[in-house]
C-alpha cells in the first residue's frame, strides 16, 4: 500500500451520524464495525424486510463458493475485488491464497470506514500479494489503471462486483462500468457479481419499501433490478452453470432457499 492510501487517511471522511451501507451490512452479518445509527437503521430495514439478514449471509457464502471455484477449478490467480466492504472472516485473499498461496488480490472501495480497516485486508501470504485502492466504482478507468500496478492485466483476472452495481443508480451507466472493466482484462477472465432484485418470484417484492426507507435515512442510495436488467451486465460473457440465479443457490446444496439477490459467474471468451 502506498503512502497516499494509508487507512488512517480515511478517518477524516467518516460520518458516524448517518447510517452507511458498509457498516449496516457489517451489522447484519454479525460484525462489530458499526455504530448505533447503523444498528437502528439496520433493525428498521430488517423489520420491513426480514429476509435481509439471510441475503447478507447468502451473499457472503456465495463469495466463498465463487472464489473457491475460480481458484480451485479455473486456476485463477488474480482477483480484482471492487466494492469489497468491511473486512470480515474469510476475505477474498484468504480464500484464494488458502488454495493458491501465490494469488494476487487488489481490493477497491471508496468508503472511509473500509479504508480505516484496510490493513486487515493486506495480510497476504508470503508467496502472494494483496493491495487496496481507494477508488470509486464510477471511475472504472482509474480502477483498472491502478490495479495494473499489482495485477498483470495480460493474464486472466477475476473481477468481483458483489453488491456494488446496485449503488450505480443508472442501469446504462452500470452496464458501461462493467463493459469498461472487462474490456481491460484478457480472455479467460471472469466476472463475479451479486445484485438485489424486486422480482417477486424470489421474494423481492419487499425490497421496494425497504430501499425507499434506506434512501431517505442512509447512504449511499441503492436500487434493485430485474433479472433481465442484471443479465444485461453479462452481455458478451459466457455464464458458468447454473447461470444467473439467487446467490444462495449458486453451486449450493439442493435444499438452499432462494433469496432476492441474484448471483452469477461468467467468463470472457
C-alpha atoms as a PDB file:
ATOM      1  CA  UNK A   1       0.000   0.000   0.000  1.00  0.00           C
ATOM      2  CA  UNK A   2       1.403   3.347  -0.968  1.00  0.00           C
ATOM      3  CA  UNK A   3       1.689   6.224   1.487  1.00  0.00           C
ATOM      4  CA  UNK A   4      -1.265   8.026  -0.061  1.00  0.00           C
ATOM      5  CA  UNK A   5      -3.516   5.058   0.653  1.00  0.00           C
ATOM      6  CA  UNK A   6      -2.839   4.895   4.393  1.00  0.00           C
ATOM      7  CA  UNK A   7      -6.037   3.686   6.132  1.00  0.00           C
ATOM      8  CA  UNK A   8      -5.776   6.448   8.722  1.00  0.00           C
ATOM      9  CA  UNK A   9      -6.345   8.968   5.951  1.00  0.00           C
ATOM     10  CA  UNK A  10      -9.958   7.846   5.712  1.00  0.00           C
ATOM     11  CA  UNK A  11     -10.857   8.778   9.271  1.00  0.00           C
ATOM     12  CA  UNK A  12     -11.311  12.439   8.338  1.00  0.00           C
ATOM     13  CA  UNK A  13     -14.149  11.481   5.976  1.00  0.00           C
ATOM     14  CA  UNK A  14     -16.046   9.310   8.470  1.00  0.00           C
ATOM     15  CA  UNK A  15     -19.597  10.422   9.230  1.00  0.00           C
ATOM     16  CA  UNK A  16     -20.986   8.462  12.147  1.00  0.00           C
ATOM     17  CA  UNK A  17     -24.258  10.440  12.311  1.00  0.00           C
ATOM     18  CA  UNK A  18     -25.744   8.814   9.181  1.00  0.00           C
ATOM     19  CA  UNK A  19     -26.110   5.077   8.606  1.00  0.00           C
ATOM     20  CA  UNK A  20     -23.751   3.760   5.956  1.00  0.00           C
ATOM     21  CA  UNK A  21     -24.130   0.656   3.858  1.00  0.00           C
ATOM     22  CA  UNK A  22     -20.802  -0.960   4.734  1.00  0.00           C
ATOM     23  CA  UNK A  23     -21.462  -0.613   8.456  1.00  0.00           C
ATOM     24  CA  UNK A  24     -25.109  -1.728   8.285  1.00  0.00           C
ATOM     25  CA  UNK A  25     -24.109  -4.743   6.173  1.00  0.00           C
ATOM     26  CA  UNK A  26     -21.445  -5.488   8.764  1.00  0.00           C
ATOM     27  CA  UNK A  27     -24.145  -5.341  11.458  1.00  0.00           C
ATOM     28  CA  UNK A  28     -26.414  -7.733   9.557  1.00  0.00           C
ATOM     29  CA  UNK A  29     -23.690 -10.371   9.281  1.00  0.00           C
ATOM     30  CA  UNK A  30     -22.819 -10.093  12.980  1.00  0.00           C
ATOM     31  CA  UNK A  31     -19.781  -7.818  12.749  1.00  0.00           C
ATOM     32  CA  UNK A  32     -18.645  -5.233  15.282  1.00  0.00           C
ATOM     33  CA  UNK A  33     -17.603  -2.367  12.980  1.00  0.00           C
ATOM     34  CA  UNK A  34     -20.825  -0.368  13.172  1.00  0.00           C
ATOM     35  CA  UNK A  35     -22.421   2.408  15.192  1.00  0.00           C
ATOM     36  CA  UNK A  36     -25.750   2.900  16.943  1.00  0.00           C
ATOM     37  CA  UNK A  37     -27.204   4.729  13.930  1.00  0.00           C
ATOM     38  CA  UNK A  38     -26.278   1.770  11.712  1.00  0.00           C
ATOM     39  CA  UNK A  39     -27.915  -0.639  14.142  1.00  0.00           C
ATOM     40  CA  UNK A  40     -31.114   1.438  14.307  1.00  0.00           C
ATOM     41  CA  UNK A  41     -31.451   1.684  10.542  1.00  0.00           C
ATOM     42  CA  UNK A  42     -30.434  -1.964  10.120  1.00  0.00           C
ATOM     43  CA  UNK A  43     -33.116  -3.080  12.578  1.00  0.00           C
ATOM     44  CA  UNK A  44     -35.755  -0.921  10.891  1.00  0.00           C
ATOM     45  CA  UNK A  45     -34.920  -2.290   7.440  1.00  0.00           C
ATOM     46  CA  UNK A  46     -34.906  -5.835   8.823  1.00  0.00           C
ATOM     47  CA  UNK A  47     -38.339  -5.189  10.327  1.00  0.00           C
ATOM     48  CA  UNK A  48     -39.645  -4.102   6.938  1.00  0.00           C
ATOM     49  CA  UNK A  49     -37.786  -6.794   5.007  1.00  0.00           C
ATOM     50  CA  UNK A  50     -36.899  -9.660   7.390  1.00  0.00           C
ATOM     51  CA  UNK A  51     -35.068 -11.682   4.750  1.00  0.00           C
ATOM     52  CA  UNK A  52     -32.289  -9.063   4.542  1.00  0.00           C
ATOM     53  CA  UNK A  53     -30.109 -10.860   7.095  1.00  0.00           C
ATOM     54  CA  UNK A  54     -30.394 -14.061   5.068  1.00  0.00           C
ATOM     55  CA  UNK A  55     -29.463 -12.068   1.965  1.00  0.00           C
ATOM     56  CA  UNK A  56     -26.353 -10.701   3.688  1.00  0.00           C
ATOM     57  CA  UNK A  57     -25.249 -14.166   4.790  1.00  0.00           C
ATOM     58  CA  UNK A  58     -26.038 -15.690   1.394  1.00  0.00           C
ATOM     59  CA  UNK A  59     -24.006 -13.029  -0.391  1.00  0.00           C
ATOM     60  CA  UNK A  60     -21.014 -13.744   1.851  1.00  0.00           C
ATOM     61  CA  UNK A  61     -21.341 -17.500   1.366  1.00  0.00           C
ATOM     62  CA  UNK A  62     -21.571 -17.001  -2.404  1.00  0.00           C
ATOM     63  CA  UNK A  63     -18.280 -15.105  -2.308  1.00  0.00           C
ATOM     64  CA  UNK A  64     -16.610 -18.102  -0.713  1.00  0.00           C
ATOM     65  CA  UNK A  65     -18.014 -20.610  -3.191  1.00  0.00           C
ATOM     66  CA  UNK A  66     -17.167 -18.414  -6.177  1.00  0.00           C
ATOM     67  CA  UNK A  67     -13.561 -17.779  -5.105  1.00  0.00           C
ATOM     68  CA  UNK A  68     -13.000 -21.452  -4.311  1.00  0.00           C
ATOM     69  CA  UNK A  69     -14.394 -22.375  -7.730  1.00  0.00           C
ATOM     70  CA  UNK A  70     -12.230 -19.831  -9.561  1.00  0.00           C
ATOM     71  CA  UNK A  71      -9.006 -20.583  -7.698  1.00  0.00           C
ATOM     72  CA  UNK A  72      -9.558 -24.320  -7.419  1.00  0.00           C
ATOM     73  CA  UNK A  73     -11.276 -25.293 -10.668  1.00  0.00           C
ATOM     74  CA  UNK A  74     -10.492 -22.458 -13.070  1.00  0.00           C
ATOM     75  CA  UNK A  75      -6.903 -21.785 -11.961  1.00  0.00           C
ATOM     76  CA  UNK A  76      -7.445 -18.054 -11.468  1.00  0.00           C
ATOM     77  CA  UNK A  77      -4.593 -16.420  -9.567  1.00  0.00           C
ATOM     78  CA  UNK A  78      -5.604 -12.740  -9.773  1.00  0.00           C
ATOM     79  CA  UNK A  79      -8.649 -11.106  -8.210  1.00  0.00           C
ATOM     80  CA  UNK A  80      -9.919  -7.521  -8.503  1.00  0.00           C
ATOM     81  CA  UNK A  81     -12.499  -7.105  -5.724  1.00  0.00           C
ATOM     82  CA  UNK A  82     -14.487  -3.911  -6.408  1.00  0.00           C
ATOM     83  CA  UNK A  83     -16.609  -2.643  -3.524  1.00  0.00           C
ATOM     84  CA  UNK A  84     -15.039  -5.020  -1.046  1.00  0.00           C
ATOM     85  CA  UNK A  85     -16.812  -3.714   2.056  1.00  0.00           C
ATOM     86  CA  UNK A  86     -15.578  -4.089   5.614  1.00  0.00           C
ATOM     87  CA  UNK A  87     -13.078  -6.859   6.322  1.00  0.00           C
ATOM     88  CA  UNK A  88     -14.585  -9.923   7.973  1.00  0.00           C
ATOM     89  CA  UNK A  89     -13.839 -13.641   8.225  1.00  0.00           C
ATOM     90  CA  UNK A  90     -12.633 -15.283   5.006  1.00  0.00           C
ATOM     91  CA  UNK A  91     -11.985 -12.308   2.762  1.00  0.00           C
ATOM     92  CA  UNK A  92     -11.204 -12.925  -0.905  1.00  0.00           C
ATOM     93  CA  UNK A  93      -7.436 -13.131  -0.432  1.00  0.00           C
ATOM     94  CA  UNK A  94      -7.723 -15.558   2.471  1.00  0.00           C
ATOM     95  CA  UNK A  95      -9.883 -17.963   0.484  1.00  0.00           C
ATOM     96  CA  UNK A  96      -7.839 -17.691  -2.706  1.00  0.00           C
ATOM     97  CA  UNK A  97      -4.437 -17.949  -1.004  1.00  0.00           C
ATOM     98  CA  UNK A  98      -5.573 -20.952   1.001  1.00  0.00           C
ATOM     99  CA  UNK A  99      -5.916 -22.746  -2.342  1.00  0.00           C
ATOM    100  CA  UNK A 100      -3.120 -20.978  -4.231  1.00  0.00           C
ATOM    101  CA  UNK A 101      -0.693 -19.067  -1.964  1.00  0.00           C
ATOM    102  CA  UNK A 102       0.697 -17.121  -4.927  1.00  0.00           C
ATOM    103  CA  UNK A 103      -2.658 -15.440  -5.643  1.00  0.00           C
ATOM    104  CA  UNK A 104      -2.645 -11.663  -6.090  1.00  0.00           C
ATOM    105  CA  UNK A 105      -5.633  -9.655  -4.882  1.00  0.00           C
ATOM    106  CA  UNK A 106      -6.494  -5.980  -5.264  1.00  0.00           C
ATOM    107  CA  UNK A 107      -9.331  -4.605  -3.168  1.00  0.00           C
ATOM    108  CA  UNK A 108     -11.193  -1.470  -4.253  1.00  0.00           C
ATOM    109  CA  UNK A 109     -13.516   0.704  -2.166  1.00  0.00           C
ATOM    110  CA  UNK A 110     -14.082   4.386  -1.511  1.00  0.00           C
ATOM    111  CA  UNK A 111     -15.831   4.031   1.830  1.00  0.00           C
ATOM    112  CA  UNK A 112     -13.779   5.808   4.520  1.00  0.00           C
ATOM    113  CA  UNK A 113     -14.549   3.217   7.196  1.00  0.00           C
ATOM    114  CA  UNK A 114     -13.341   0.449   4.872  1.00  0.00           C
ATOM    115  CA  UNK A 115     -10.188   2.490   4.290  1.00  0.00           C
ATOM    116  CA  UNK A 116      -9.641   2.741   8.049  1.00  0.00           C
ATOM    117  CA  UNK A 117      -9.781  -1.054   8.355  1.00  0.00           C
ATOM    118  CA  UNK A 118      -7.922  -1.826   5.137  1.00  0.00           C
ATOM    119  CA  UNK A 119      -4.736  -3.012   6.816  1.00  0.00           C
ATOM    120  CA  UNK A 120      -6.515  -6.230   7.789  1.00  0.00           C
ATOM    121  CA  UNK A 121      -7.088  -6.838   4.064  1.00  0.00           C
ATOM    122  CA  UNK A 122      -3.362  -6.731   3.416  1.00  0.00           C
ATOM    123  CA  UNK A 123      -2.281  -9.816   5.381  1.00  0.00           C
ATOM    124  CA  UNK A 124      -1.077 -11.649   2.308  1.00  0.00           C
ATOM    125  CA  UNK A 125       0.715 -14.959   2.194  1.00  0.00           C
ATOM    126  CA  UNK A 126       4.454 -14.674   1.630  1.00  0.00           C
ATOM    127  CA  UNK A 127       4.071 -16.012  -1.914  1.00  0.00           C
ATOM    128  CA  UNK A 128       1.169 -13.748  -2.906  1.00  0.00           C
ATOM    129  CA  UNK A 129       0.256 -10.057  -2.823  1.00  0.00           C
ATOM    130  CA  UNK A 130      -2.679  -8.001  -1.605  1.00  0.00           C
ATOM    131  CA  UNK A 131      -3.252  -4.306  -2.206  1.00  0.00           C
ATOM    132  CA  UNK A 132      -6.001  -1.777  -1.520  1.00  0.00           C
ATOM    133  CA  UNK A 133      -7.124   1.030  -3.829  1.00  0.00           C
ATOM    134  CA  UNK A 134      -9.206   3.943  -2.559  1.00  0.00           C
ATOM    135  CA  UNK A 135     -11.301   4.480  -5.703  1.00  0.00           C
ATOM    136  CA  UNK A 136     -14.900   4.861  -6.862  1.00  0.00           C
ATOM    137  CA  UNK A 137     -16.776   2.309  -8.975  1.00  0.00           C
ATOM    138  CA  UNK A 138     -17.960   5.236 -11.117  1.00  0.00           C
ATOM    139  CA  UNK A 139     -14.360   5.674 -12.339  1.00  0.00           C
ATOM    140  CA  UNK A 140     -13.521   2.296 -13.913  1.00  0.00           C
ATOM    141  CA  UNK A 141     -10.514   3.633 -15.813  1.00  0.00           C
ATOM    142  CA  UNK A 142      -8.832   4.720 -12.575  1.00  0.00           C
ATOM    143  CA  UNK A 143      -9.556   1.332 -11.010  1.00  0.00           C
ATOM    144  CA  UNK A 144      -8.049  -0.543 -13.932  1.00  0.00           C
ATOM    145  CA  UNK A 145      -5.035   1.766 -14.186  1.00  0.00           C
ATOM    146  CA  UNK A 146      -4.157   1.449 -10.514  1.00  0.00           C
ATOM    147  CA  UNK A 147      -4.929  -2.272 -10.353  1.00  0.00           C
ATOM    148  CA  UNK A 148      -2.311  -2.727 -13.064  1.00  0.00           C
ATOM    149  CA  UNK A 149       0.358  -1.768 -10.535  1.00  0.00           C
ATOM    150  CA  UNK A 150      -0.274  -5.076  -8.743  1.00  0.00           C
ATOM    151  CA  UNK A 151      -2.022  -7.321 -11.257  1.00  0.00           C
ATOM    152  CA  UNK A 152      -0.740  -8.496 -14.633  1.00  0.00           C
ATOM    153  CA  UNK A 153      -3.611  -7.444 -16.876  1.00  0.00           C
ATOM    154  CA  UNK A 154      -2.266  -9.624 -19.674  1.00  0.00           C
ATOM    155  CA  UNK A 155      -3.245 -12.673 -17.607  1.00  0.00           C
ATOM    156  CA  UNK A 156      -6.792 -13.686 -16.540  1.00  0.00           C
ATOM    157  CA  UNK A 157      -8.360 -11.755 -13.681  1.00  0.00           C
ATOM    158  CA  UNK A 158     -11.486 -12.484 -11.649  1.00  0.00           C
ATOM    159  CA  UNK A 159     -13.390  -9.203 -11.369  1.00  0.00           C
ATOM    160  CA  UNK A 160     -15.551  -9.329  -8.241  1.00  0.00           C
ATOM    161  CA  UNK A 161     -18.559  -6.972  -8.160  1.00  0.00           C
ATOM    162  CA  UNK A 162     -20.616  -8.245  -5.259  1.00  0.00           C
ATOM    163  CA  UNK A 163     -23.370  -5.882  -4.164  1.00  0.00           C
ATOM    164  CA  UNK A 164     -21.767  -2.845  -5.797  1.00  0.00           C
ATOM    165  CA  UNK A 165     -23.642  -2.169  -9.051  1.00  0.00           C
ATOM    166  CA  UNK A 166     -26.831  -1.559  -7.035  1.00  0.00           C
ATOM    167  CA  UNK A 167     -25.188   1.711  -5.932  1.00  0.00           C
ATOM    168  CA  UNK A 168     -24.937   2.832  -9.561  1.00  0.00           C
ATOM    169  CA  UNK A 169     -28.491   4.061  -9.983  1.00  0.00           C
ATOM    170  CA  UNK A 170     -28.489   4.382 -13.771  1.00  0.00           C
ATOM    171  CA  UNK A 171     -28.635   0.951 -15.411  1.00  0.00           C
ATOM    172  CA  UNK A 172     -26.922   2.140 -18.565  1.00  0.00           C
ATOM    173  CA  UNK A 173     -24.039   3.576 -16.569  1.00  0.00           C
ATOM    174  CA  UNK A 174     -23.725   0.356 -14.547  1.00  0.00           C
ATOM    175  CA  UNK A 175     -23.619  -1.656 -17.766  1.00  0.00           C
ATOM    176  CA  UNK A 176     -20.912   0.633 -19.166  1.00  0.00           C
ATOM    177  CA  UNK A 177     -18.807   0.300 -16.000  1.00  0.00           C
ATOM    178  CA  UNK A 178     -18.820  -3.476 -16.347  1.00  0.00           C
ATOM    179  CA  UNK A 179     -18.026  -3.230 -20.055  1.00  0.00           C
ATOM    180  CA  UNK A 180     -15.027  -0.951 -19.473  1.00  0.00           C
ATOM    181  CA  UNK A 181     -13.531  -3.070 -16.708  1.00  0.00           C
ATOM    182  CA  UNK A 182     -13.988  -6.322 -18.600  1.00  0.00           C
ATOM    183  CA  UNK A 183     -12.546  -4.744 -21.763  1.00  0.00           C
ATOM    184  CA  UNK A 184      -9.304  -4.171 -19.851  1.00  0.00           C
ATOM    185  CA  UNK A 185      -8.787  -7.837 -18.915  1.00  0.00           C
ATOM    186  CA  UNK A 186      -7.973 -10.713 -21.286  1.00  0.00           C
ATOM    187  CA  UNK A 187      -9.843 -13.764 -22.484  1.00  0.00           C
ATOM    188  CA  UNK A 188     -10.251 -16.268 -19.663  1.00  0.00           C
ATOM    189  CA  UNK A 189     -11.031 -13.544 -17.140  1.00  0.00           C
ATOM    190  CA  UNK A 190     -14.211 -13.903 -15.091  1.00  0.00           C
ATOM    191  CA  UNK A 191     -16.873 -11.560 -13.775  1.00  0.00           C
ATOM    192  CA  UNK A 192     -18.475 -12.421 -10.441  1.00  0.00           C
ATOM    193  CA  UNK A 193     -21.469 -10.363  -9.382  1.00  0.00           C
ATOM    194  CA  UNK A 194     -24.396 -10.222  -6.998  1.00  0.00           C
ATOM    195  CA  UNK A 195     -27.272  -7.768  -7.157  1.00  0.00           C
ATOM    196  CA  UNK A 196     -30.579  -7.287  -5.268  1.00  0.00           C
ATOM    197  CA  UNK A 197     -33.854  -7.655  -7.125  1.00  0.00           C
ATOM    198  CA  UNK A 198     -37.503  -6.662  -6.907  1.00  0.00           C
ATOM    199  CA  UNK A 199     -38.556  -9.918  -8.632  1.00  0.00           C
ATOM    200  CA  UNK A 200     -41.462 -11.424  -6.701  1.00  0.00           C
ATOM    201  CA  UNK A 201     -40.643 -14.991  -7.703  1.00  0.00           C
ATOM    202  CA  UNK A 202     -37.554 -14.894  -5.474  1.00  0.00           C
ATOM    203  CA  UNK A 203     -39.150 -12.855  -2.673  1.00  0.00           C
ATOM    204  CA  UNK A 204     -38.023  -9.415  -3.787  1.00  0.00           C
ATOM    205  CA  UNK A 205     -41.331  -7.574  -3.591  1.00  0.00           C
ATOM    206  CA  UNK A 206     -40.466  -6.204  -0.118  1.00  0.00           C
ATOM    207  CA  UNK A 207     -37.284  -4.594  -1.421  1.00  0.00           C
ATOM    208  CA  UNK A 208     -39.039  -1.512  -2.801  1.00  0.00           C
ATOM    209  CA  UNK A 209     -40.335  -0.123   0.507  1.00  0.00           C
ATOM    210  CA  UNK A 210     -37.168  -1.103   2.388  1.00  0.00           C
ATOM    211  CA  UNK A 211     -34.967   0.629  -0.188  1.00  0.00           C
ATOM    212  CA  UNK A 212     -37.188   3.717  -0.129  1.00  0.00           C
ATOM    213  CA  UNK A 213     -36.659   3.920   3.639  1.00  0.00           C
ATOM    214  CA  UNK A 214     -32.940   3.301   3.187  1.00  0.00           C
ATOM    215  CA  UNK A 215     -32.555   6.062   0.616  1.00  0.00           C
ATOM    216  CA  UNK A 216     -34.277   8.525   2.956  1.00  0.00           C
ATOM    217  CA  UNK A 217     -32.255   7.586   6.031  1.00  0.00           C
ATOM    218  CA  UNK A 218     -28.870   6.217   4.968  1.00  0.00           C
ATOM    219  CA  UNK A 219     -26.137   6.451   2.386  1.00  0.00           C
ATOM    220  CA  UNK A 220     -25.295   5.750  -0.383  1.00  0.00           C
ATOM    221  CA  UNK A 221     -28.618   5.418  -2.244  1.00  0.00           C
ATOM    222  CA  UNK A 222     -29.421   1.986  -3.631  1.00  0.00           C
ATOM    223  CA  UNK A 223     -31.601   0.330  -6.257  1.00  0.00           C
ATOM    224  CA  UNK A 224     -32.724  -3.177  -7.099  1.00  0.00           C
ATOM    225  CA  UNK A 225     -33.135  -4.524 -10.632  1.00  0.00           C
ATOM    226  CA  UNK A 226     -34.938  -7.235 -12.548  1.00  0.00           C
ATOM    227  CA  UNK A 227     -33.339 -10.482 -13.666  1.00  0.00           C
ATOM    228  CA  UNK A 228     -33.288  -9.144 -17.240  1.00  0.00           C
ATOM    229  CA  UNK A 229     -31.547  -5.906 -16.279  1.00  0.00           C
ATOM    230  CA  UNK A 230     -28.937  -7.737 -14.214  1.00  0.00           C
ATOM    231  CA  UNK A 231     -28.426 -10.240 -17.036  1.00  0.00           C
ATOM    232  CA  UNK A 232     -27.579  -7.323 -19.331  1.00  0.00           C
ATOM    233  CA  UNK A 233     -24.424  -6.699 -17.282  1.00  0.00           C
ATOM    234  CA  UNK A 234     -23.211 -10.092 -18.509  1.00  0.00           C
ATOM    235  CA  UNK A 235     -23.632  -9.360 -22.228  1.00  0.00           C
ATOM    236  CA  UNK A 236     -20.716 -10.736 -24.234  1.00  0.00           C
ATOM    237  CA  UNK A 237     -19.686 -13.111 -21.464  1.00  0.00           C
ATOM    238  CA  UNK A 238     -20.378 -16.838 -21.114  1.00  0.00           C
ATOM    239  CA  UNK A 239     -22.310 -17.786 -17.988  1.00  0.00           C
ATOM    240  CA  UNK A 240     -20.924 -20.553 -15.812  1.00  0.00           C
ATOM    241  CA  UNK A 241     -23.574 -23.072 -14.724  1.00  0.00           C
ATOM    242  CA  UNK A 242     -26.081 -22.684 -13.125  1.00  0.00           C
ATOM    243  CA  UNK A 243     -26.252 -19.182 -14.617  1.00  0.00           C
ATOM    244  CA  UNK A 244     -27.840 -16.096 -13.070  1.00  0.00           C
ATOM    245  CA  UNK A 245     -29.721 -17.469 -10.058  1.00  0.00           C
ATOM    246  CA  UNK A 246     -30.390 -16.466  -6.437  1.00  0.00           C
ATOM    247  CA  UNK A 247     -26.887 -16.254  -4.987  1.00  0.00           C
ATOM    248  CA  UNK A 248     -27.896 -18.633  -2.192  1.00  0.00           C
ATOM    249  CA  UNK A 249     -28.489 -21.341  -4.801  1.00  0.00           C
ATOM    250  CA  UNK A 250     -25.357 -20.879  -6.926  1.00  0.00           C
ATOM    251  CA  UNK A 251     -23.482 -24.207  -6.658  1.00  0.00           C
ATOM    252  CA  UNK A 252     -25.062 -24.751  -3.258  1.00  0.00           C
ATOM    253  CA  UNK A 253     -26.997 -27.689  -1.845  1.00  0.00           C
ATOM    254  CA  UNK A 254     -30.276 -28.680  -3.468  1.00  0.00           C
ATOM    255  CA  UNK A 255     -32.205 -27.589  -0.367  1.00  0.00           C
ATOM    256  CA  UNK A 256     -30.902 -23.979  -0.434  1.00  0.00           C
ATOM    257  CA  UNK A 257     -33.731 -21.449  -0.258  1.00  0.00           C
ATOM    258  CA  UNK A 258     -33.920 -18.599  -2.760  1.00  0.00           C
ATOM    259  CA  UNK A 259     -33.083 -15.051  -1.640  1.00  0.00           C
ATOM    260  CA  UNK A 260     -33.863 -11.837  -3.573  1.00  0.00           C
ATOM    261  CA  UNK A 261     -30.226 -11.336  -4.534  1.00  0.00           C
ATOM    262  CA  UNK A 262     -29.049 -12.759  -7.844  1.00  0.00           C
ATOM    263  CA  UNK A 263     -25.540 -14.089  -8.302  1.00  0.00           C
ATOM    264  CA  UNK A 264     -23.537 -15.235 -11.303  1.00  0.00           C
ATOM    265  CA  UNK A 265     -20.070 -16.111 -12.523  1.00  0.00           C
ATOM    266  CA  UNK A 266     -19.277 -15.561 -16.204  1.00  0.00           C
ATOM    267  CA  UNK A 267     -16.134 -15.929 -18.296  1.00  0.00           C
ATOM    268  CA  UNK A 268     -14.819 -13.639 -21.019  1.00  0.00           C
ATOM    269  CA  UNK A 269     -14.400 -15.754 -24.185  1.00  0.00           C
END
